Protein backbone atom coordinates (compact mmCIF):
# COMPACT_ATOMS: atom_id res chain seq x y z
CA MET A 1 0.00 0.00 0.00
CA LEU A 2 2.88 2.35 0.74
CA ALA A 3 4.41 1.44 -2.62
CA PHE A 4 1.15 2.40 -4.35
CA ALA A 5 1.29 5.76 -2.60
CA GLY A 6 4.90 6.11 -3.80
CA LEU A 7 3.82 5.36 -7.37
CA CYS A 8 1.20 8.10 -7.13
CA ALA A 9 3.84 10.54 -5.88
CA SER A 10 6.35 9.83 -8.65
CA PHE A 11 3.61 9.95 -11.30
CA MET A 12 3.20 13.66 -10.51
CA PHE A 13 6.57 14.40 -12.13
CA THR A 14 5.48 13.13 -15.57
CA LEU A 15 1.78 13.96 -15.28
CA VAL A 16 1.94 17.06 -17.49
CA VAL A 17 4.84 15.98 -19.73
CA PRO A 18 2.49 15.15 -22.66
CA LEU A 19 0.92 18.61 -22.34
CA GLN A 20 4.06 20.73 -22.20
CA ALA A 21 4.00 21.84 -25.83
CA GLU A 22 0.29 22.76 -25.64
CA LEU A 23 0.23 24.47 -22.23
CA PRO A 24 0.68 28.05 -23.56
CA GLU A 25 -2.43 27.66 -25.73
CA LEU A 26 -4.44 25.72 -23.13
CA LEU A 27 -3.73 28.20 -20.33
CA ASN A 28 -3.57 31.35 -22.48
CA ALA A 29 -0.13 32.15 -21.10
CA SER A 30 3.40 32.63 -22.36
CA ARG A 31 5.75 29.67 -22.65
CA GLU A 32 7.98 31.19 -19.97
CA ASP A 33 5.06 31.27 -17.54
CA THR A 34 3.87 27.75 -18.33
CA THR A 35 7.29 26.29 -17.49
CA TRP A 36 6.33 27.00 -13.87
CA VAL A 37 3.77 24.21 -14.14
CA VAL A 38 6.73 21.81 -14.07
CA THR A 39 9.21 23.90 -12.09
CA ILE A 40 6.93 24.49 -9.09
CA THR A 41 6.46 20.76 -8.56
CA LEU A 42 10.21 20.17 -8.48
CA LEU A 43 10.77 23.09 -6.10
CA VAL A 44 8.07 22.10 -3.61
CA ALA A 45 9.14 18.45 -3.72
CA ALA A 46 12.74 19.33 -2.95
CA VAL A 47 11.89 21.67 -0.08
CA ALA A 48 9.04 19.68 1.46
CA THR A 49 10.66 16.23 1.42
CA PRO A 50 13.30 16.68 4.19
CA ILE A 51 10.88 18.80 6.23
CA SER A 52 8.13 16.17 6.05
CA GLY A 53 10.70 13.54 7.04
CA ARG A 54 11.51 15.47 10.19
CA LEU A 55 7.82 15.95 10.95
CA GLY A 56 7.32 12.21 10.52
CA ASP A 57 10.06 11.43 13.05
CA MET A 58 8.42 13.79 15.54
CA TYR A 59 4.68 13.40 15.08
CA GLY A 60 4.29 10.05 13.38
CA LYS A 61 5.27 8.95 9.87
CA ARG A 62 1.86 7.47 8.97
CA ARG A 63 0.14 10.67 10.09
CA VAL A 64 2.36 12.82 7.86
CA VAL A 65 1.86 10.43 4.90
CA VAL A 66 -1.90 10.92 5.31
CA VAL A 67 -1.48 14.70 5.32
CA LEU A 68 0.70 14.61 2.19
CA LEU A 69 -1.84 12.49 0.31
CA ILE A 70 -4.60 14.91 1.30
CA LEU A 71 -2.49 17.76 -0.11
CA LEU A 72 -2.13 15.78 -3.34
CA ILE A 73 -5.91 15.39 -3.60
CA ILE A 74 -6.55 19.08 -2.85
CA GLY A 75 -3.92 20.21 -5.34
CA SER A 76 -5.25 17.91 -8.05
CA VAL A 77 -8.82 19.15 -7.57
CA ILE A 78 -7.68 22.81 -7.66
CA ALA A 79 -5.82 22.19 -10.94
CA ALA A 80 -8.72 20.17 -12.40
CA LEU A 81 -11.22 22.95 -11.68
CA SER A 82 -8.93 25.73 -12.87
CA GLY A 83 -8.84 27.25 -16.31
CA SER A 84 -6.02 29.67 -15.54
CA ILE A 85 -2.31 29.26 -15.07
CA VAL A 86 -2.41 30.52 -11.47
CA GLY A 87 -4.74 27.74 -10.33
CA VAL A 88 -2.75 25.07 -12.15
CA ILE A 89 0.53 26.29 -10.63
CA ILE A 90 -0.99 26.26 -7.13
CA GLY A 91 -2.35 22.77 -7.68
CA ARG A 92 0.94 21.50 -9.08
CA GLY A 93 2.79 22.94 -6.09
CA LEU A 94 0.56 21.02 -3.68
CA GLN A 95 1.07 17.89 -5.78
CA GLY A 96 4.83 18.25 -5.38
CA ALA A 97 4.58 17.98 -1.59
CA VAL A 98 3.49 14.33 -1.87
CA THR A 99 7.04 13.29 -2.86
CA GLY A 100 7.78 13.03 0.85
CA VAL A 101 5.64 9.88 0.93
CA VAL A 102 8.53 7.80 -0.45
CA PRO A 103 11.18 8.40 2.26
CA LEU A 104 8.48 8.31 4.93
CA GLY A 105 7.25 4.99 3.60
CA ILE A 106 10.76 3.59 3.77
CA ALA A 107 11.06 4.77 7.37
CA ILE A 108 7.72 3.14 8.26
CA MET A 109 8.95 -0.14 6.78
CA ARG A 110 12.08 0.07 8.89
CA ASP A 111 9.90 0.51 11.98
CA VAL A 112 7.49 -2.38 11.44
CA LEU A 113 8.95 -5.05 9.14
CA PRO A 114 11.14 -8.03 10.13
CA THR A 115 14.69 -8.14 8.82
CA ASP A 116 14.08 -10.82 6.19
CA ARG A 117 11.40 -8.72 4.50
CA LEU A 118 12.85 -5.26 4.97
CA GLY A 119 15.31 -5.21 2.07
CA THR A 120 12.76 -6.31 -0.54
CA ALA A 121 10.11 -3.89 0.74
CA VAL A 122 12.54 -0.96 0.78
CA ALA A 123 13.72 -1.85 -2.73
CA LEU A 124 10.16 -1.74 -4.04
CA MET A 125 9.34 1.50 -2.22
CA SER A 126 12.51 3.25 -3.33
CA ALA A 127 12.08 2.11 -6.94
CA THR A 128 8.68 3.78 -7.11
CA MET A 129 10.58 7.05 -7.64
CA GLY A 130 11.31 5.82 -11.16
CA MET A 131 8.44 3.39 -11.68
CA GLY A 132 5.56 5.82 -11.31
CA GLY A 133 6.76 8.16 -14.01
CA ALA A 134 7.70 5.44 -16.48
CA ILE A 135 4.49 3.45 -16.05
CA GLY A 136 2.21 6.45 -15.79
CA LEU A 137 3.57 8.28 -18.84
CA PRO A 138 1.65 6.17 -21.43
CA ALA A 139 -1.59 6.67 -19.49
CA ALA A 140 -0.98 10.41 -19.35
CA ALA A 141 -0.18 10.47 -23.06
CA LEU A 142 -3.39 8.57 -23.93
CA LEU A 143 -5.51 10.92 -21.87
CA ALA A 144 -3.77 13.98 -23.31
CA GLU A 145 -4.52 12.79 -26.85
CA HIS A 146 -8.12 11.62 -26.40
CA ALA A 147 -9.59 13.56 -23.46
CA ASP A 148 -9.82 17.04 -22.01
CA TRP A 149 -6.58 18.04 -20.25
CA HIS A 150 -8.41 18.48 -16.93
CA THR A 151 -8.91 14.71 -16.90
CA LEU A 152 -5.24 14.26 -16.03
CA PHE A 153 -5.75 16.10 -12.76
CA TRP A 154 -8.96 14.23 -11.97
CA LEU A 155 -6.96 11.03 -12.47
CA ALA A 156 -4.33 12.31 -10.04
CA ALA A 157 -7.05 13.13 -7.49
CA ALA A 158 -8.52 9.64 -7.86
CA LEU A 159 -5.11 8.02 -7.39
CA GLY A 160 -4.48 10.15 -4.33
CA ALA A 161 -7.85 9.18 -2.85
CA ALA A 162 -7.15 5.49 -3.48
CA GLY A 163 -3.72 5.79 -1.88
CA LEU A 164 -5.17 7.60 1.13
CA ALA A 165 -7.84 4.94 1.65
CA LEU A 166 -5.28 2.13 1.42
CA VAL A 167 -2.91 3.80 3.88
CA LEU A 168 -5.71 4.39 6.39
CA LEU A 169 -6.98 0.83 6.07
CA VAL A 170 -3.77 -1.18 5.83
CA VAL A 171 -0.73 0.69 7.17
CA PRO A 172 -0.37 0.21 10.95
CA GLY A 173 -0.23 3.11 13.37
CA ASP A 174 3.08 4.67 14.29
CA VAL A 175 5.17 2.56 16.66
CA LEU A 176 8.08 4.97 17.09
CA ARG A 177 7.99 8.70 17.63
CA PHE A 178 10.64 11.07 18.88
CA PRO A 179 8.86 14.19 20.14
CA GLY A 180 10.77 17.42 19.89
CA ARG A 181 10.52 21.01 18.78
CA LEU A 182 9.95 21.79 15.13
CA ASP A 183 12.79 24.03 13.99
CA VAL A 184 10.64 26.56 12.13
CA LEU A 185 13.53 28.93 11.44
CA GLY A 186 15.59 26.02 10.13
CA ALA A 187 12.73 24.95 7.85
CA ILE A 188 12.39 28.47 6.45
CA GLY A 189 16.14 28.79 5.92
CA LEU A 190 16.35 25.43 4.15
CA GLY A 191 13.38 26.35 1.96
CA VAL A 192 14.80 29.73 0.94
CA GLY A 193 18.28 28.38 0.27
CA LEU A 194 17.09 25.40 -1.76
CA THR A 195 14.67 27.54 -3.73
CA GLY A 196 17.50 29.81 -4.82
CA ILE A 197 19.71 26.91 -5.91
CA LEU A 198 16.92 25.03 -7.68
CA LEU A 199 15.65 28.12 -9.45
CA PHE A 200 19.15 28.59 -10.85
CA VAL A 201 19.31 24.93 -11.90
CA SER A 202 15.82 24.72 -13.40
CA ARG A 203 15.50 28.17 -14.98
CA GLY A 204 19.12 29.17 -15.58
CA ALA A 205 19.11 28.02 -19.21
CA GLN A 206 16.06 30.14 -19.94
CA TRP A 207 17.16 33.21 -17.98
CA GLY A 208 20.82 32.92 -19.00
CA TRP A 209 23.32 31.29 -16.68
CA THR A 210 25.18 34.55 -16.04
CA SER A 211 22.15 36.86 -15.99
CA PRO A 212 21.63 38.98 -12.85
CA ILE A 213 18.56 37.01 -11.75
CA SER A 214 20.35 33.66 -12.15
CA LEU A 215 23.44 34.81 -10.27
CA THR A 216 21.28 36.33 -7.53
CA CYS A 217 19.45 33.03 -7.08
CA VAL A 218 22.53 30.83 -6.92
CA ILE A 219 24.73 33.14 -4.85
CA GLY A 220 21.87 34.03 -2.52
CA GLY A 221 20.90 30.37 -2.16
CA VAL A 222 24.44 29.30 -1.30
CA LEU A 223 24.85 32.09 1.26
CA VAL A 224 21.54 31.27 2.92
CA LEU A 225 22.46 27.56 3.11
CA LEU A 226 25.83 28.40 4.66
CA VAL A 227 24.15 30.48 7.36
CA TRP A 228 21.52 27.75 7.76
CA GLY A 229 24.23 25.12 8.28
CA TRP A 230 25.95 27.28 10.91
CA TYR A 231 22.62 27.69 12.69
CA GLN A 232 21.79 23.96 12.51
CA LEU A 233 25.05 23.06 14.23
CA ARG A 234 24.29 25.37 17.14
CA THR A 235 20.57 25.08 17.78
CA LYS A 236 18.77 22.55 19.98
CA ASP A 237 16.55 20.06 18.08
CA PRO A 238 17.74 21.11 14.60
CA LEU A 239 15.69 20.34 11.52
CA LEU A 240 18.56 18.15 10.29
CA ASP A 241 21.47 16.91 12.39
CA LEU A 242 24.32 17.83 10.07
CA ARG A 243 26.78 15.83 12.15
CA VAL A 244 24.84 12.70 11.22
CA ALA A 245 24.56 13.87 7.59
CA ALA A 246 28.36 14.33 7.51
CA ARG A 247 29.11 10.69 8.33
CA PRO A 248 31.00 9.23 5.35
CA ALA A 249 28.36 6.61 4.50
CA VAL A 250 25.58 9.20 4.50
CA LEU A 251 27.60 11.96 2.82
CA PHE A 252 28.96 9.87 -0.06
CA THR A 253 25.57 8.23 -0.64
CA ASN A 254 23.81 11.58 -0.81
CA ILE A 255 26.33 13.14 -3.19
CA ALA A 256 26.17 10.04 -5.40
CA ALA A 257 22.37 10.34 -5.33
CA ILE A 258 22.68 13.56 -7.36
CA GLY A 259 24.37 11.59 -10.14
CA MET A 260 21.77 8.83 -10.03
CA GLY A 261 18.91 11.32 -10.16
CA PHE A 262 20.61 13.05 -13.08
CA ALA A 263 21.01 9.76 -14.95
CA LEU A 264 17.41 8.69 -14.29
CA PHE A 265 15.77 11.90 -15.45
CA GLY A 266 18.25 12.25 -18.30
CA SER A 267 16.64 9.30 -20.03
CA ASN A 268 13.20 10.84 -19.46
CA VAL A 269 14.37 14.01 -21.19
CA THR A 270 16.30 12.56 -24.13
CA PHE A 271 14.68 9.24 -25.08
CA PRO A 272 11.12 10.51 -25.72
CA GLN A 273 12.41 13.40 -27.83
CA LEU A 274 14.65 11.09 -29.85
CA LEU A 275 11.77 8.67 -30.40
CA GLU A 276 9.31 11.41 -31.42
CA MET A 277 11.63 13.32 -33.76
CA PRO A 278 10.89 12.93 -37.49
CA THR A 279 12.84 10.29 -39.37
CA SER A 280 14.28 13.01 -41.61
CA SER A 281 16.29 14.27 -38.62
CA ALA A 282 17.63 10.93 -37.31
CA GLY A 283 14.55 10.35 -35.12
CA PHE A 284 12.00 7.53 -35.23
CA GLY A 285 8.79 9.42 -35.92
CA LEU A 286 6.75 7.86 -33.12
CA ASP A 287 3.75 9.61 -31.65
CA MET A 288 3.56 10.53 -27.99
CA VAL A 289 1.90 7.28 -26.93
CA GLY A 290 4.31 5.12 -28.91
CA ALA A 291 7.33 6.85 -27.38
CA ALA A 292 5.84 6.44 -23.89
CA LEU A 293 5.36 2.72 -24.48
CA VAL A 294 9.03 2.33 -25.43
CA VAL A 295 10.08 4.13 -22.24
CA MET A 296 7.62 2.30 -19.98
CA PRO A 297 9.48 -1.07 -19.66
CA ALA A 298 12.13 0.58 -17.47
CA GLY A 299 9.49 1.08 -14.78
CA LEU A 300 8.32 -2.51 -15.11
CA VAL A 301 11.90 -3.74 -14.74
CA MET A 302 12.29 -1.74 -11.52
CA MET A 303 9.16 -3.40 -10.17
CA PHE A 304 10.12 -6.96 -11.07
CA ILE A 305 13.72 -6.79 -9.81
CA SER A 306 12.71 -5.48 -6.38
CA PRO A 307 12.70 -9.00 -4.84
CA LEU A 308 16.13 -9.66 -6.39
CA SER A 309 17.42 -6.34 -5.05
CA GLY A 310 16.24 -7.27 -1.56
CA ARG A 311 17.96 -10.65 -1.66
CA LEU A 312 21.20 -9.19 -3.02
CA GLU A 313 21.17 -6.51 -0.33
CA ARG A 314 20.98 -9.19 2.35
CA THR A 315 23.64 -11.32 0.64
CA VAL A 316 26.31 -8.89 -0.55
CA GLY A 317 25.29 -5.72 1.29
CA PRO A 318 23.91 -2.42 -0.02
CA ARG A 319 27.24 -0.85 -1.01
CA PRO A 320 28.16 -3.39 -3.76
CA LEU A 321 24.54 -3.28 -4.93
CA PHE A 322 24.84 0.49 -5.31
CA THR A 323 28.08 0.12 -7.29
CA ILE A 324 26.48 -2.46 -9.61
CA GLY A 325 23.47 -0.22 -10.17
CA ALA A 326 25.56 2.85 -10.98
CA GLY A 327 27.74 0.75 -13.29
CA ALA A 328 24.64 -0.47 -15.16
CA ILE A 329 23.66 3.17 -15.76
CA VAL A 330 27.07 3.91 -17.30
CA LEU A 331 26.83 0.85 -19.56
CA ALA A 332 23.32 1.81 -20.67
CA TYR A 333 24.37 5.26 -21.84
CA LEU A 334 27.53 3.90 -23.47
CA PHE A 335 25.34 1.44 -25.36
CA VAL A 336 22.94 4.11 -26.65
CA LEU A 337 25.88 6.37 -27.48
CA LEU A 338 27.26 3.67 -29.79
CA TRP A 339 23.99 2.12 -31.01
CA SER A 340 20.82 4.16 -31.36
CA SER A 341 19.77 3.59 -34.95
CA GLU A 342 16.90 1.22 -34.11
CA ILE A 343 14.01 1.51 -31.69
CA TRP A 344 15.10 -1.67 -29.93
CA HIS A 345 18.43 0.01 -29.13
CA ILE A 346 16.59 2.68 -27.11
CA LEU A 347 14.40 0.02 -25.53
CA ALA A 348 17.40 -2.10 -24.49
CA ALA A 349 19.25 0.88 -23.04
CA ASN A 350 16.18 1.99 -21.13
CA ILE A 351 15.70 -1.49 -19.67
CA LEU A 352 19.32 -1.49 -18.51
CA ILE A 353 18.72 1.92 -16.92
CA GLY A 354 15.74 0.37 -15.13
CA VAL A 355 18.02 -2.34 -13.73
CA GLY A 356 20.58 0.23 -12.60
CA ILE A 357 18.00 2.48 -10.96
CA GLY A 358 16.30 -0.50 -9.35
CA PHE A 359 19.54 -1.67 -7.73
CA SER A 360 20.93 1.73 -6.75
CA PHE A 361 17.67 3.18 -5.44
CA ALA A 362 17.20 0.02 -3.34
CA ALA A 363 20.70 0.33 -1.89
CA MET A 364 20.70 4.01 -0.97
CA PRO A 365 18.05 3.96 1.78
CA MET A 366 19.55 0.80 3.30
CA ILE A 367 22.99 2.46 3.45
CA ILE A 368 21.39 5.50 5.08
CA MET A 369 19.42 3.48 7.64
CA ARG A 370 22.49 1.45 8.61
CA SER A 371 24.28 4.70 9.40
CA VAL A 372 21.82 6.91 11.30
CA PRO A 373 20.02 6.66 14.66
CA ALA A 374 16.34 5.75 14.72
CA ASN A 375 15.19 9.30 15.48
CA GLU A 376 16.84 10.52 12.24
CA THR A 377 15.36 7.88 9.90
CA GLY A 378 12.65 9.99 8.27
CA ALA A 379 14.71 13.17 8.01
CA SER A 380 17.79 11.34 6.68
CA ASN A 381 15.82 9.50 4.00
CA GLY A 382 14.16 12.78 3.13
CA LEU A 383 17.57 14.40 2.71
CA ASN A 384 18.61 11.58 0.38
CA ALA A 385 15.45 12.11 -1.65
CA LEU A 386 16.31 15.82 -1.78
CA PHE A 387 19.71 15.09 -3.33
CA ARG A 388 18.04 12.85 -5.90
CA SER A 389 15.65 15.72 -6.69
CA ILE A 390 18.59 18.05 -7.25
CA GLY A 391 19.91 15.53 -9.76
CA THR A 392 16.60 15.24 -11.61
CA SER A 393 16.12 19.01 -11.68
CA SER A 394 19.66 19.46 -13.01
CA ALA A 395 19.09 16.90 -15.75
CA SER A 396 15.87 18.58 -16.83
CA ALA A 397 17.50 22.00 -17.02
CA VAL A 398 20.92 21.09 -18.42
CA MET A 399 19.81 18.54 -21.00
CA GLY A 400 16.77 20.57 -21.99
CA GLY A 401 19.05 23.57 -22.52
CA ILE A 402 21.53 21.56 -24.59
CA LEU A 403 18.82 20.08 -26.82
CA ALA A 404 17.32 23.55 -27.34
CA ALA A 405 20.68 25.22 -28.05
CA MET A 406 22.02 22.53 -30.41
CA SER A 407 19.07 22.39 -32.78
CA VAL A 408 18.34 23.02 -36.45
CA ASP A 409 15.27 24.39 -38.18
CA ILE A 410 13.22 21.78 -40.05
CA ASP A 411 9.99 23.03 -41.63
CA GLY A 412 9.83 25.86 -39.12
CA VAL A 413 10.37 23.59 -36.10
CA ALA A 414 13.55 23.56 -33.99
CA VAL A 415 14.79 19.96 -33.86
CA PRO A 416 17.79 18.83 -31.74
CA THR A 417 20.79 17.51 -33.64
CA ARG A 418 22.34 14.10 -33.11
CA ALA A 419 25.36 15.82 -31.57
CA ALA A 420 23.08 17.35 -28.92
CA PHE A 421 21.92 13.91 -27.82
CA ASP A 422 25.51 12.66 -27.76
CA VAL A 423 26.48 15.50 -25.41
CA CYS A 424 23.58 14.59 -23.12
CA PHE A 425 24.59 10.93 -23.11
CA TRP A 426 28.18 11.84 -22.23
CA LEU A 427 26.95 13.96 -19.34
CA ALA A 428 24.86 11.04 -18.05
CA ILE A 429 27.90 8.76 -18.35
CA ALA A 430 29.96 11.24 -16.34
CA ALA A 431 27.25 11.44 -13.66
CA GLY A 432 27.11 7.64 -13.46
CA LEU A 433 30.89 7.35 -13.20
CA VAL A 434 30.96 9.86 -10.35
CA ALA A 435 28.34 7.76 -8.54
CA VAL A 436 30.40 4.59 -9.11
CA VAL A 437 33.55 6.20 -7.69
CA LEU A 438 31.72 7.65 -4.68
CA SER A 439 30.08 4.31 -3.94
CA LEU A 440 33.56 2.78 -3.52
CA PHE A 441 34.30 5.23 -0.69
CA ILE A 442 31.20 4.28 1.31
CA PRO A 443 32.36 2.42 4.46
CA LYS A 444 31.43 -1.26 4.54
CA GLN A 445 30.73 -1.54 8.24
CA ARG A 446 27.56 -0.47 10.01
CA SER A 447 27.59 2.51 12.33
CA ALA A 448 28.40 1.50 15.90
CA GLU A 449 25.35 3.44 17.10
CA GLN A 450 22.30 1.54 18.28
CA HIS A 451 19.28 1.45 15.99
CA PRO A 452 16.22 0.59 18.09
CA SER A 453 13.86 0.87 15.13
CA LEU A 454 15.63 -1.88 13.18
CA PRO A 455 13.71 -5.15 13.59
CA ASN A 456 15.47 -8.05 15.23
């Protein structure tokens, strides 16, 4: 049931992908304004995820999951009833908050499941970050082609309602809480700092990387985060215990998570465009639904290898599993860099990416949970999800900018060149290699600290 809620959360990232080209006309707004329909979801997800993790540790993880699903339903209804860009942006922002369901679900599993089932369950829950988007994209594309665009948001509301009902009926009540004071100032500082950084990452290509507004966002965001870090180290009951976050296992895993998020979303940016481009420009001429169906198997692979990921985690440990997953990502992009002249080449590479994401996303939360105390489980998993979000946002901005910049005019339409895709693939390879190297520095041993929430 938690995995279903995770699928609903990750589906929000690709919900409006089929509509992106039509949003200016549908919402009677400029293309610059309609990009906020996507950007706001990424921003709210990044900011809300670590905060909701901390709230879950304090007030109950199941309770916060319920609240996040209610926000998803409210946001979806607002967007479904709206005919203006303001309403859609507000709704999409509320939808973004539900991303916190995934790390909270992992923390709940740690609290209630026996050891022999924990690895498999965490693998499935973590993989939903990639599964929901890949599996939901064809459904979104079908609806976008054959139904009113508001139907997409009604579908999101229905999924949220189903997830809420299942959580209330099936997920047990919270067994571990660690009451404390909510660090409101810390939450505001984290939100402001992250917003500056992510605005630079997501909108820098459009604004100009060296424009005054871009530089103000990135410099201001960095300065705010530096002050925030100084404050977190000195306040009682901080939002995030940075001393725990600085442990080598946690630190290297989180930095590597940026690369894995970049590699995951890189395929979501490049593969559909390559598949939908006309054959006259080295594309395959598929329609939106056909391209989505080629991309979808990656999500199915993540689902089916979850049991294998759990068994491997128990057998060889999460660190080697992470290295294998990151290595599979590198091989997938090398493959498509060398062979991408047939549709099955894209399909094979995407399946290999599904294997890599399935393994690495299963390993990351287990590495984190082996290295942090029980009262930091939700917040630490939320921080890991935040780093993944930074990777996905970076991929969307950087690769989208490259494909737009390296394009040619064909019948009045700007079409990316083959060289543009090659540059994107090389960047994904570099991100995967960084993750592989960082995974080798993750300590093998568990933290010596006691973990009372780990099942015996």
